[in-house]
Amino acid sequence: MTATTPPVQSMLSARRRWTVLAVCCLSMFLVGLDTTIVNVGLPVIGRGLDVDTRGLEWIVDAYTLVLASLLISSGALADRFGRRRVFQCGLAAFGAASLVCALAPSAGVLIAARALQGIGASMLSPVALAIVVNAMPDPKERAQAIGIWASVFGLSMAAGPITGGALLAGLGWRALFWINAPVIAAALLLSARFVPESRAPRARRLDLPGQVLLTVVLAVVVGVLIEGPRIGWTSPSALAGYAGAVGATAGFVWVESRRREPLIDPRIFRSPVFSGAVLGAVAVFVALTMTLLLNTLYLQHTRGWTPLAAGVATLPLAVGATVCAPWSGRMVSRTGPRLPLLLAGGFITAGGLCLVRLTPHTSVPLLLAAYSLIGVGFGFANAPITNTAVNGLPPARAGVAGAITSTARQLGSALGIALAGGLVTATSPTGLAHASRPGWVLVATCGVLVLLIAHVSRAKEATTGLAASPQVR
């Protein structure tokens, strides 16, 4: 037991610790599932609510944008008021918003409800990871738990299209949100029974100026990417958006560097390993979400596949992610993050390159091979990224550590959706394959970036992290 770990945590039996992990993984599965389950249903939602591609992008990004904006504050709230308490509040909020989504009569209501879902989800992902970290004080056991965590997260993200396709085939698009109800009920009951309460020994102050500026930065960047094709990339509105993003970013850095307890301590990023983990998280999720959205639109619009068939086509991606994530976790615990990151970058690059010459008649085996390669790369990437981030801060700030990486993931998801949508907006079904080719080049580029990040990673830094540095305490 460490000085920053509550005594109740160190007294948990092995069975109880792994039960806590299972409960937290259930919530993580829900967050990841809702990030991608809607993708396969976008064409059906568009027809049902009379929404164009730009509106469909907002249906996805309203969730990921709010989620990314609030993750760090939610982690800090959990460290202050109790992780189980905030976790259960997040479950309740997420469940209520899901009901509104299922009943939404218009696109505007659905987008607003998706944003509310993002608020609830922000209380789940980093908080659940902090609960797991505090329940697993042994570093090796913690690395194994993070490997399982990454596996569940990879499975949820990759299984979203398959699950969504099956629901659409039998029940319609509203079932994409009704499915959350039984999962929420189970998680609430299990968390009340098995998850112990924990909080940081010293409560951190909320950084409201930093929170507002971070939200503005993310909203403006993603908003310009989504609306750019409509308003024009050099229009006065777009230029104002660029200026606003730069100004808000500069203001955020200035404010955070002068606060005693900032939302994001800029000194954290002095370590190339930690910075690489955050940048890698963005790159991996840009690649994943671009793959899923471009796949959905291409298979359903260009090739005329049903939502279920389009979802099943991603099964190789789901299998690759699920199988390789725990394997990656074991690699991290033994040798550090460098090898799994090299594998992740290599596979993602290969998968993207397979489709850079996509046509309306590209062979199905090549499509499935590309999805499999990207899924394997995604599976290898999550464990080293998560482990590096968690070990990069003291255990008392586990909520913030998990939130920083989760923010990077969701930012990558939002950027991937916005970029993919921008490529194919107002494109005819016959021209969609050609229009999406730059997207596959970008997927391969993300893989190359992960390869570069792997070269600056060191096994020793990944296992010891930044905790030895007094700058980040």
Protein backbone atom coordinates (compact mmCIF):
# COMPACT_ATOMS: atom_id res chain seq x y z
CA MET A 1 0.00 0.00 0.00
CA THR A 2 1.24 3.48 -0.86
CA ALA A 3 0.69 6.62 1.14
CA THR A 4 -1.77 7.87 -1.46
CA THR A 5 -3.89 4.73 -1.60
CA PRO A 6 -6.83 4.47 0.84
CA PRO A 7 -6.49 1.54 3.26
CA VAL A 8 -9.74 -0.04 2.04
CA GLN A 9 -8.23 -0.48 -1.40
CA SER A 10 -5.21 -2.42 -0.17
CA MET A 11 -7.50 -4.78 1.77
CA LEU A 12 -9.49 -5.87 -1.28
CA SER A 13 -9.22 -9.58 -2.03
CA ALA A 14 -7.99 -10.69 -5.43
CA ARG A 15 -11.53 -11.78 -6.36
CA ARG A 16 -12.96 -8.42 -5.33
CA ARG A 17 -10.29 -6.51 -7.26
CA TRP A 18 -11.06 -8.38 -10.47
CA THR A 19 -14.79 -7.93 -9.88
CA VAL A 20 -14.21 -4.18 -9.63
CA LEU A 21 -12.34 -4.38 -12.93
CA ALA A 22 -15.26 -6.22 -14.53
CA VAL A 23 -17.78 -3.61 -13.38
CA CYS A 24 -15.62 -0.76 -14.64
CA CYS A 25 -15.03 -2.54 -17.95
CA LEU A 26 -18.80 -2.77 -18.37
CA SER A 27 -19.06 1.01 -18.25
CA MET A 28 -16.08 1.35 -20.57
CA PHE A 29 -17.75 -0.97 -23.05
CA LEU A 30 -20.81 1.28 -23.00
CA VAL A 31 -18.80 4.46 -23.67
CA GLY A 32 -16.85 2.88 -26.51
CA LEU A 33 -19.93 1.25 -28.00
CA ASP A 34 -21.81 4.54 -28.18
CA THR A 35 -18.84 6.17 -29.88
CA THR A 36 -19.19 3.88 -32.90
CA ILE A 37 -22.57 2.12 -32.79
CA VAL A 38 -24.27 5.13 -34.36
CA ASN A 39 -21.88 5.15 -37.34
CA VAL A 40 -23.46 2.21 -39.14
CA GLY A 41 -26.91 3.71 -38.60
CA LEU A 42 -26.13 7.15 -40.00
CA PRO A 43 -27.64 6.53 -43.46
CA VAL A 44 -30.83 5.19 -41.86
CA ILE A 45 -30.99 8.08 -39.36
CA GLY A 46 -30.41 10.52 -42.21
CA ARG A 47 -33.39 9.14 -44.12
CA GLY A 48 -35.58 8.94 -41.03
CA LEU A 49 -34.92 12.49 -39.81
CA ASP A 50 -34.11 14.08 -43.19
CA VAL A 51 -30.52 14.96 -42.27
CA ASP A 52 -27.63 15.61 -44.67
CA THR A 53 -24.04 14.42 -44.20
CA ARG A 54 -23.06 17.53 -42.25
CA GLY A 55 -25.90 16.99 -39.78
CA LEU A 56 -24.95 13.34 -39.42
CA GLU A 57 -21.42 14.38 -38.51
CA TRP A 58 -22.82 16.52 -35.69
CA ILE A 59 -24.88 13.58 -34.40
CA VAL A 60 -21.63 11.69 -33.86
CA ASP A 61 -19.39 14.59 -32.86
CA ALA A 62 -21.84 16.21 -30.43
CA TYR A 63 -21.18 13.19 -28.24
CA THR A 64 -17.43 12.93 -28.70
CA LEU A 65 -16.87 16.69 -28.49
CA VAL A 66 -18.65 17.13 -25.15
CA LEU A 67 -17.06 13.95 -23.87
CA ALA A 68 -13.57 15.16 -24.78
CA SER A 69 -14.18 18.61 -23.30
CA LEU A 70 -15.34 17.43 -19.87
CA LEU A 71 -13.24 14.32 -19.22
CA ILE A 72 -10.50 16.04 -17.23
CA SER A 73 -12.88 18.03 -15.04
CA SER A 74 -14.88 14.88 -14.37
CA GLY A 75 -11.70 13.12 -13.28
CA ALA A 76 -10.90 15.98 -10.91
CA LEU A 77 -14.46 15.95 -9.55
CA ALA A 78 -14.15 12.24 -8.88
CA ASP A 79 -10.86 12.71 -7.04
CA ARG A 80 -12.57 15.36 -4.89
CA PHE A 81 -16.09 14.03 -4.24
CA GLY A 82 -15.56 10.29 -4.57
CA ARG A 83 -14.99 8.15 -7.62
CA ARG A 84 -17.86 5.74 -7.09
CA ARG A 85 -20.29 8.61 -6.50
CA VAL A 86 -19.32 10.43 -9.69
CA PHE A 87 -19.24 7.12 -11.59
CA GLN A 88 -22.84 6.37 -10.58
CA CYS A 89 -23.95 9.92 -11.43
CA GLY A 90 -22.42 9.45 -14.86
CA LEU A 91 -24.29 6.19 -15.37
CA ALA A 92 -27.59 7.82 -14.45
CA ALA A 93 -27.00 10.84 -16.71
CA PHE A 94 -25.94 8.63 -19.59
CA GLY A 95 -29.01 6.46 -19.22
CA ALA A 96 -31.41 9.40 -19.11
CA ALA A 97 -29.83 10.99 -22.19
CA SER A 98 -30.02 7.66 -24.04
CA LEU A 99 -33.78 7.59 -23.48
CA VAL A 100 -34.09 11.08 -24.96
CA CYS A 101 -32.03 9.97 -27.97
CA ALA A 102 -34.32 7.00 -28.51
CA LEU A 103 -37.40 9.24 -28.46
CA ALA A 104 -35.92 12.19 -30.40
CA PRO A 105 -38.46 13.59 -32.91
CA SER A 106 -35.92 15.66 -34.87
CA ALA A 107 -32.23 15.93 -35.67
CA GLY A 108 -31.84 18.95 -33.37
CA VAL A 109 -33.20 17.05 -30.38
CA LEU A 110 -31.04 14.05 -31.19
CA ILE A 111 -27.89 16.18 -31.43
CA ALA A 112 -28.71 17.87 -28.10
CA ALA A 113 -29.38 14.52 -26.43
CA ARG A 114 -26.11 13.15 -27.79
CA ALA A 115 -24.34 16.08 -26.16
CA LEU A 116 -26.03 15.17 -22.86
CA GLN A 117 -24.84 11.60 -23.35
CA GLY A 118 -21.33 13.02 -23.63
CA ILE A 119 -21.72 14.69 -20.23
CA GLY A 120 -22.63 11.37 -18.62
CA ALA A 121 -19.92 9.48 -20.47
CA SER A 122 -17.28 11.96 -19.28
CA MET A 123 -17.95 10.72 -15.74
CA LEU A 124 -17.40 7.09 -16.69
CA SER A 125 -14.22 6.53 -18.67
CA PRO A 126 -11.49 8.28 -16.60
CA VAL A 127 -13.28 7.67 -13.31
CA ALA A 128 -13.58 3.95 -13.94
CA LEU A 129 -9.90 3.77 -14.86
CA ALA A 130 -8.99 5.60 -11.64
CA ILE A 131 -11.07 3.09 -9.66
CA VAL A 132 -9.20 0.24 -11.32
CA VAL A 133 -5.78 1.82 -10.72
CA ASN A 134 -6.52 2.34 -7.02
CA ALA A 135 -7.87 -1.19 -6.66
CA MET A 136 -4.71 -2.66 -8.25
CA PRO A 137 -1.70 -1.36 -6.26
CA ASP A 138 0.70 -4.00 -7.63
CA PRO A 139 2.32 -2.67 -10.87
CA LYS A 140 2.30 -6.04 -12.66
CA GLU A 141 -1.31 -6.75 -11.74
CA ARG A 142 -2.20 -3.22 -12.78
CA ALA A 143 -0.53 -3.70 -16.17
CA GLN A 144 -2.55 -6.89 -16.70
CA ALA A 145 -5.73 -5.07 -15.71
CA ILE A 146 -4.97 -2.26 -18.13
CA GLY A 147 -4.43 -4.84 -20.87
CA ILE A 148 -7.89 -6.27 -20.18
CA TRP A 149 -9.28 -2.74 -20.00
CA ALA A 150 -7.77 -1.93 -23.38
CA SER A 151 -9.15 -5.17 -24.80
CA VAL A 152 -12.68 -4.32 -23.67
CA PHE A 153 -12.36 -0.80 -25.00
CA GLY A 154 -11.07 -2.05 -28.32
CA LEU A 155 -13.87 -4.61 -28.50
CA SER A 156 -16.52 -1.98 -27.75
CA MET A 157 -15.26 0.45 -30.39
CA ALA A 158 -14.93 -2.25 -33.02
CA ALA A 159 -18.16 -4.09 -32.09
CA GLY A 160 -20.27 -0.96 -32.40
CA PRO A 161 -20.90 -1.28 -36.15
CA ILE A 162 -21.75 -5.00 -35.87
CA THR A 163 -24.13 -4.46 -32.97
CA GLY A 164 -25.66 -1.45 -34.68
CA GLY A 165 -26.18 -3.36 -37.92
CA ALA A 166 -27.97 -6.18 -36.11
CA LEU A 167 -30.25 -3.76 -34.24
CA LEU A 168 -31.05 -1.82 -37.39
CA ALA A 169 -31.97 -5.01 -39.23
CA GLY A 170 -34.63 -5.96 -36.71
CA LEU A 171 -35.66 -2.93 -34.67
CA GLY A 172 -34.75 0.34 -36.40
CA TRP A 173 -32.33 3.13 -35.50
CA ARG A 174 -33.93 4.04 -32.17
CA ALA A 175 -32.85 0.65 -30.82
CA LEU A 176 -29.26 1.94 -31.03
CA PHE A 177 -30.07 3.92 -27.89
CA TRP A 178 -32.61 1.65 -26.18
CA ILE A 179 -29.89 -0.99 -25.84
CA ASN A 180 -28.12 1.17 -23.24
CA ALA A 181 -30.90 0.73 -20.65
CA PRO A 182 -30.14 -2.83 -19.45
CA VAL A 183 -26.37 -2.16 -19.43
CA ILE A 184 -26.87 0.98 -17.32
CA ALA A 185 -29.14 -0.86 -14.87
CA ALA A 186 -26.64 -3.69 -14.44
CA ALA A 187 -23.70 -1.32 -13.97
CA LEU A 188 -25.57 0.71 -11.34
CA LEU A 189 -26.47 -2.37 -9.32
CA LEU A 190 -23.00 -3.93 -9.54
CA SER A 191 -21.16 -0.70 -8.70
CA ALA A 192 -23.29 -0.22 -5.58
CA ARG A 193 -22.50 -3.76 -4.48
CA PHE A 194 -18.83 -4.22 -5.35
CA VAL A 195 -17.04 -0.93 -6.08
CA PRO A 196 -15.46 0.71 -2.99
CA GLU A 197 -15.45 4.47 -2.65
CA SER A 198 -12.14 6.26 -3.10
CA ARG A 199 -10.87 9.79 -3.56
CA ALA A 200 -7.59 11.66 -3.68
CA PRO A 201 -6.07 12.52 -0.26
CA ARG A 202 -6.06 16.21 -1.20
CA ALA A 203 -8.91 17.63 -3.25
CA ARG A 204 -7.90 19.66 -6.29
CA ARG A 205 -9.64 22.90 -7.17
CA LEU A 206 -11.74 23.02 -10.29
CA ASP A 207 -10.21 25.08 -13.05
CA LEU A 208 -13.22 26.80 -14.60
CA PRO A 209 -11.28 29.21 -16.87
CA GLY A 210 -9.22 26.32 -18.21
CA GLN A 211 -12.34 24.21 -18.71
CA VAL A 212 -14.10 26.95 -20.68
CA LEU A 213 -11.06 27.60 -22.88
CA LEU A 214 -10.51 23.90 -23.55
CA THR A 215 -14.14 23.52 -24.59
CA VAL A 216 -13.87 26.52 -26.91
CA VAL A 217 -10.69 25.18 -28.53
CA LEU A 218 -12.15 21.76 -29.24
CA ALA A 219 -15.54 23.07 -30.36
CA VAL A 220 -14.07 25.63 -32.76
CA VAL A 221 -11.55 23.22 -34.30
CA VAL A 222 -14.10 20.46 -34.86
CA GLY A 223 -16.80 22.93 -35.90
CA VAL A 224 -14.62 24.48 -38.60
CA LEU A 225 -13.71 21.04 -39.94
CA ILE A 226 -17.37 20.01 -40.16
CA GLU A 227 -18.72 23.28 -41.55
CA GLY A 228 -15.72 24.08 -43.76
CA PRO A 229 -17.04 22.36 -46.91
CA ARG A 230 -20.30 24.31 -46.62
CA ILE A 231 -19.02 27.79 -45.70
CA GLY A 232 -15.78 27.60 -47.71
CA TRP A 233 -12.29 27.15 -46.30
CA THR A 234 -11.28 30.75 -47.05
CA SER A 235 -14.59 32.43 -46.18
CA PRO A 236 -14.72 35.15 -43.49
CA SER A 237 -16.48 32.71 -41.14
CA ALA A 238 -13.76 30.10 -41.60
CA LEU A 239 -11.00 32.67 -41.13
CA ALA A 240 -12.70 33.85 -37.94
CA GLY A 241 -12.80 30.22 -36.78
CA TYR A 242 -9.08 29.79 -37.41
CA ALA A 243 -8.32 32.96 -35.47
CA GLY A 244 -10.61 31.90 -32.64
CA ALA A 245 -8.95 28.50 -32.36
CA VAL A 246 -5.46 30.02 -32.25
CA GLY A 247 -6.52 32.67 -29.74
CA ALA A 248 -8.30 30.20 -27.46
CA THR A 249 -5.34 27.81 -27.59
CA ALA A 250 -2.90 30.59 -26.69
CA GLY A 251 -5.19 31.71 -23.90
CA PHE A 252 -5.49 28.18 -22.58
CA VAL A 253 -1.71 27.70 -22.44
CA TRP A 254 -1.25 31.11 -20.79
CA VAL A 255 -3.93 30.48 -18.15
CA GLU A 256 -2.83 26.94 -17.36
CA SER A 257 0.83 27.89 -16.96
CA ARG A 258 -0.12 30.39 -14.24
CA ARG A 259 -2.57 28.41 -12.13
CA ARG A 260 -1.52 26.49 -9.03
CA GLU A 261 -3.84 23.60 -9.91
CA PRO A 262 -4.48 23.75 -13.64
CA LEU A 263 -6.86 21.58 -15.59
CA ILE A 264 -3.86 20.31 -17.56
CA ASP A 265 -0.43 20.99 -16.13
CA PRO A 266 1.76 22.01 -19.10
CA ARG A 267 4.80 20.57 -17.32
CA ILE A 268 3.39 17.09 -17.83
CA PHE A 269 4.20 17.36 -21.50
CA ARG A 270 7.91 17.98 -20.91
CA SER A 271 8.37 14.23 -21.06
CA PRO A 272 8.52 13.02 -24.68
CA VAL A 273 7.11 9.66 -23.55
CA PHE A 274 3.96 11.14 -22.03
CA SER A 275 3.51 13.61 -24.88
CA GLY A 276 3.96 10.77 -27.33
CA ALA A 277 1.26 8.75 -25.57
CA VAL A 278 -1.21 11.61 -25.91
CA LEU A 279 -0.32 12.29 -29.54
CA GLY A 280 -0.47 8.58 -30.27
CA ALA A 281 -3.95 8.35 -28.78
CA VAL A 282 -5.15 11.13 -31.10
CA ALA A 283 -3.58 9.47 -34.17
CA VAL A 284 -4.91 5.99 -33.42
CA PHE A 285 -8.47 7.22 -32.96
CA VAL A 286 -8.38 9.44 -36.02
CA ALA A 287 -7.44 6.30 -37.97
CA LEU A 288 -10.13 4.17 -36.33
CA THR A 289 -13.06 6.57 -36.69
CA MET A 290 -12.14 7.49 -40.25
CA THR A 291 -12.05 3.79 -41.08
CA LEU A 292 -15.46 3.13 -39.55
CA LEU A 293 -17.22 6.14 -41.09
CA LEU A 294 -15.69 5.77 -44.57
CA ASN A 295 -16.47 2.05 -44.45
CA THR A 296 -20.11 2.70 -43.51
CA LEU A 297 -20.72 5.28 -46.24
CA TYR A 298 -18.81 3.36 -48.91
CA LEU A 299 -20.44 -0.01 -48.32
CA GLN A 300 -23.99 1.31 -47.90
CA HIS A 301 -24.05 4.15 -50.44
CA THR A 302 -21.62 2.98 -53.12
CA ARG A 303 -22.05 -0.79 -52.97
CA GLY A 304 -25.63 -0.92 -51.69
CA TRP A 305 -24.96 -3.18 -48.73
CA THR A 306 -27.43 -3.36 -45.85
CA PRO A 307 -26.44 -1.88 -42.46
CA LEU A 308 -26.07 -5.40 -41.08
CA ALA A 309 -23.76 -6.46 -43.90
CA ALA A 310 -21.71 -3.28 -43.51
CA GLY A 311 -21.43 -3.94 -39.79
CA VAL A 312 -20.41 -7.56 -40.28
CA ALA A 313 -17.68 -6.40 -42.66
CA THR A 314 -15.94 -4.82 -39.67
CA LEU A 315 -15.81 -8.17 -37.84
CA PRO A 316 -12.12 -8.69 -38.78
CA LEU A 317 -11.38 -5.29 -37.24
CA ALA A 318 -13.19 -6.26 -34.03
CA VAL A 319 -11.44 -9.63 -33.82
CA GLY A 320 -8.01 -8.09 -34.40
CA ALA A 321 -8.57 -5.46 -31.74
CA THR A 322 -9.93 -7.92 -29.19
CA VAL A 323 -7.22 -10.55 -29.63
CA CYS A 324 -4.25 -8.20 -29.74
CA ALA A 325 -5.17 -5.83 -26.89
CA PRO A 326 -4.47 -8.27 -24.00
CA TRP A 327 -1.39 -9.53 -25.84
CA SER A 328 -0.20 -5.94 -26.00
CA GLY A 329 -0.86 -5.54 -22.28
CA ARG A 330 1.43 -8.48 -21.51
CA MET A 331 4.12 -7.00 -23.75
CA VAL A 332 3.94 -3.69 -21.91
CA SER A 333 4.27 -5.36 -18.51
CA ARG A 334 7.36 -7.28 -19.67
CA THR A 335 9.27 -5.03 -22.04
CA GLY A 336 7.57 -1.63 -22.06
CA PRO A 337 5.57 0.15 -24.76
CA ARG A 338 8.02 0.32 -27.64
CA LEU A 339 7.40 -3.08 -29.29
CA PRO A 340 3.58 -2.96 -29.20
CA LEU A 341 3.67 0.61 -30.52
CA LEU A 342 5.89 -0.48 -33.40
CA LEU A 343 3.45 -3.27 -34.20
CA ALA A 344 0.49 -0.89 -33.91
CA GLY A 345 2.01 1.65 -36.26
CA GLY A 346 3.07 -0.97 -38.77
CA PHE A 347 -0.32 -2.64 -38.98
CA ILE A 348 -2.29 0.62 -39.18
CA THR A 349 0.00 1.90 -41.93
CA ALA A 350 -0.39 -1.32 -43.91
CA GLY A 351 -4.18 -1.26 -43.53
CA GLY A 352 -4.46 2.31 -44.77
CA LEU A 353 -2.17 1.66 -47.74
CA CYS A 354 -4.37 -1.26 -48.83
CA LEU A 355 -7.21 1.16 -49.65
CA VAL A 356 -5.46 4.24 -51.05
CA ARG A 357 -6.64 3.19 -54.53
CA LEU A 358 -10.19 2.29 -53.47
CA THR A 359 -12.73 1.91 -56.28
CA PRO A 360 -16.44 1.03 -56.37
CA HIS A 361 -15.40 -2.53 -57.27
CA THR A 362 -12.50 -3.16 -54.89
CA SER A 363 -12.46 -6.84 -53.95
CA VAL A 364 -14.09 -7.84 -50.70
CA PRO A 365 -11.06 -9.89 -49.54
CA LEU A 366 -8.88 -6.77 -49.84
CA LEU A 367 -11.41 -4.73 -47.86
CA LEU A 368 -11.55 -7.34 -45.11
CA ALA A 369 -7.76 -7.63 -45.01
CA ALA A 370 -7.42 -3.86 -44.63
CA TYR A 371 -9.97 -3.76 -41.81
CA SER A 372 -8.20 -6.66 -40.09
CA LEU A 373 -4.81 -4.93 -40.27
CA ILE A 374 -6.23 -1.72 -38.83
CA GLY A 375 -7.99 -3.67 -36.06
CA VAL A 376 -4.78 -5.46 -35.11
CA GLY A 377 -2.94 -2.14 -35.02
CA PHE A 378 -5.65 -0.62 -32.88
CA GLY A 379 -5.48 -3.54 -30.48
CA PHE A 380 -1.73 -3.23 -30.04
CA ALA A 381 -1.91 0.54 -29.50
CA ASN A 382 -4.26 0.98 -26.55
CA ALA A 383 -2.37 -0.77 -23.74
CA PRO A 384 1.00 1.04 -24.16
CA ILE A 385 -0.74 4.40 -24.56
CA THR A 386 -2.93 3.90 -21.47
CA ASN A 387 -0.17 2.42 -19.33
CA THR A 388 2.23 5.25 -20.15
CA ALA A 389 -0.35 7.87 -19.26
CA VAL A 390 -1.41 6.23 -15.99
CA ASN A 391 2.18 5.79 -14.85
CA GLY A 392 2.96 9.34 -15.90
CA LEU A 393 1.23 10.86 -12.87
CA PRO A 394 1.14 9.97 -9.16
CA PRO A 395 -1.66 7.57 -8.11
CA ALA A 396 -3.50 10.40 -6.33
CA ARG A 397 -4.07 12.00 -9.72
CA ALA A 398 -5.12 8.81 -11.45
CA GLY A 399 -8.43 10.37 -12.48
CA VAL A 400 -6.67 13.22 -14.25
CA ALA A 401 -4.13 10.87 -15.84
CA GLY A 402 -6.84 8.70 -17.32
CA ALA A 403 -8.80 11.75 -18.38
CA ILE A 404 -5.91 13.26 -20.35
CA THR A 405 -5.52 10.14 -22.46
CA SER A 406 -9.27 9.70 -22.81
CA THR A 407 -9.54 13.32 -23.93
CA ALA A 408 -6.93 12.65 -26.58
CA ARG A 409 -8.84 9.58 -27.74
CA GLN A 410 -12.14 11.41 -28.01
CA LEU A 411 -10.49 14.37 -29.72
CA GLY A 412 -9.08 11.92 -32.25
CA SER A 413 -12.56 10.43 -32.70
CA ALA A 414 -14.11 13.84 -33.28
CA LEU A 415 -11.36 14.87 -35.70
CA GLY A 416 -11.63 11.57 -37.58
CA ILE A 417 -15.39 11.99 -38.08
CA ALA A 418 -15.02 15.63 -39.14
CA LEU A 419 -12.19 14.90 -41.57
CA ALA A 420 -13.90 11.87 -43.10
CA GLY A 421 -17.17 13.73 -43.46
CA GLY A 422 -15.43 16.69 -45.05
CA LEU A 423 -13.98 14.43 -47.74
CA VAL A 424 -17.29 12.92 -48.84
CA THR A 425 -19.81 15.71 -48.18
CA ALA A 426 -22.01 16.31 -51.24
CA THR A 427 -20.29 13.44 -53.07
CA SER A 428 -22.38 11.09 -55.22
CA PRO A 429 -22.40 7.38 -54.40
CA THR A 430 -20.37 6.61 -57.52
CA GLY A 431 -17.73 9.20 -56.64
CA LEU A 432 -17.46 8.37 -52.95
CA ALA A 433 -14.71 5.76 -53.35
CA HIS A 434 -12.42 8.19 -55.16
CA ALA A 435 -13.26 11.05 -52.78
CA SER A 436 -12.36 8.90 -49.77
CA ARG A 437 -8.86 8.03 -51.01
CA PRO A 438 -7.19 10.94 -49.13
CA GLY A 439 -8.82 9.56 -45.99
CA TRP A 440 -7.02 6.25 -46.41
CA VAL A 441 -3.78 8.11 -46.99
CA LEU A 442 -4.41 9.90 -43.68
CA VAL A 443 -5.08 6.56 -41.94
CA ALA A 444 -1.69 5.31 -43.17
CA THR A 445 -0.07 8.59 -42.06
CA CYS A 446 -1.47 8.08 -38.56
CA GLY A 447 0.22 4.68 -38.52
CA VAL A 448 3.53 6.26 -39.53
CA LEU A 449 3.13 8.77 -36.70
CA VAL A 450 2.69 5.92 -34.21
CA LEU A 451 5.88 4.36 -35.57
CA LEU A 452 7.75 7.61 -34.96
CA ILE A 453 6.35 7.82 -31.43
CA ALA A 454 7.53 4.25 -30.77
CA HIS A 455 11.10 5.28 -31.56
CA VAL A 456 11.13 7.86 -28.77
CA SER A 457 9.58 5.49 -26.23
CA ARG A 458 11.77 3.78 -23.67
CA ALA A 459 10.77 0.75 -21.63
CA LYS A 460 12.31 2.18 -18.49
CA GLU A 461 10.33 5.42 -18.76
CA ALA A 462 7.11 3.53 -19.39
CA THR A 463 7.47 1.46 -16.20
CA THR A 464 8.73 4.21 -13.94
CA GLY A 465 6.81 7.05 -15.57
CA LEU A 466 7.00 10.62 -14.43
CA ALA A 467 6.27 9.87 -10.83
CA ALA A 468 9.90 10.28 -9.95
CA SER A 469 9.86 13.81 -11.25
CA PRO A 470 8.92 16.40 -8.63
CA GLN A 471 7.62 18.69 -11.36
CA VAL A 472 4.38 16.80 -11.82
CA ARG A 473 3.51 15.98 -8.26
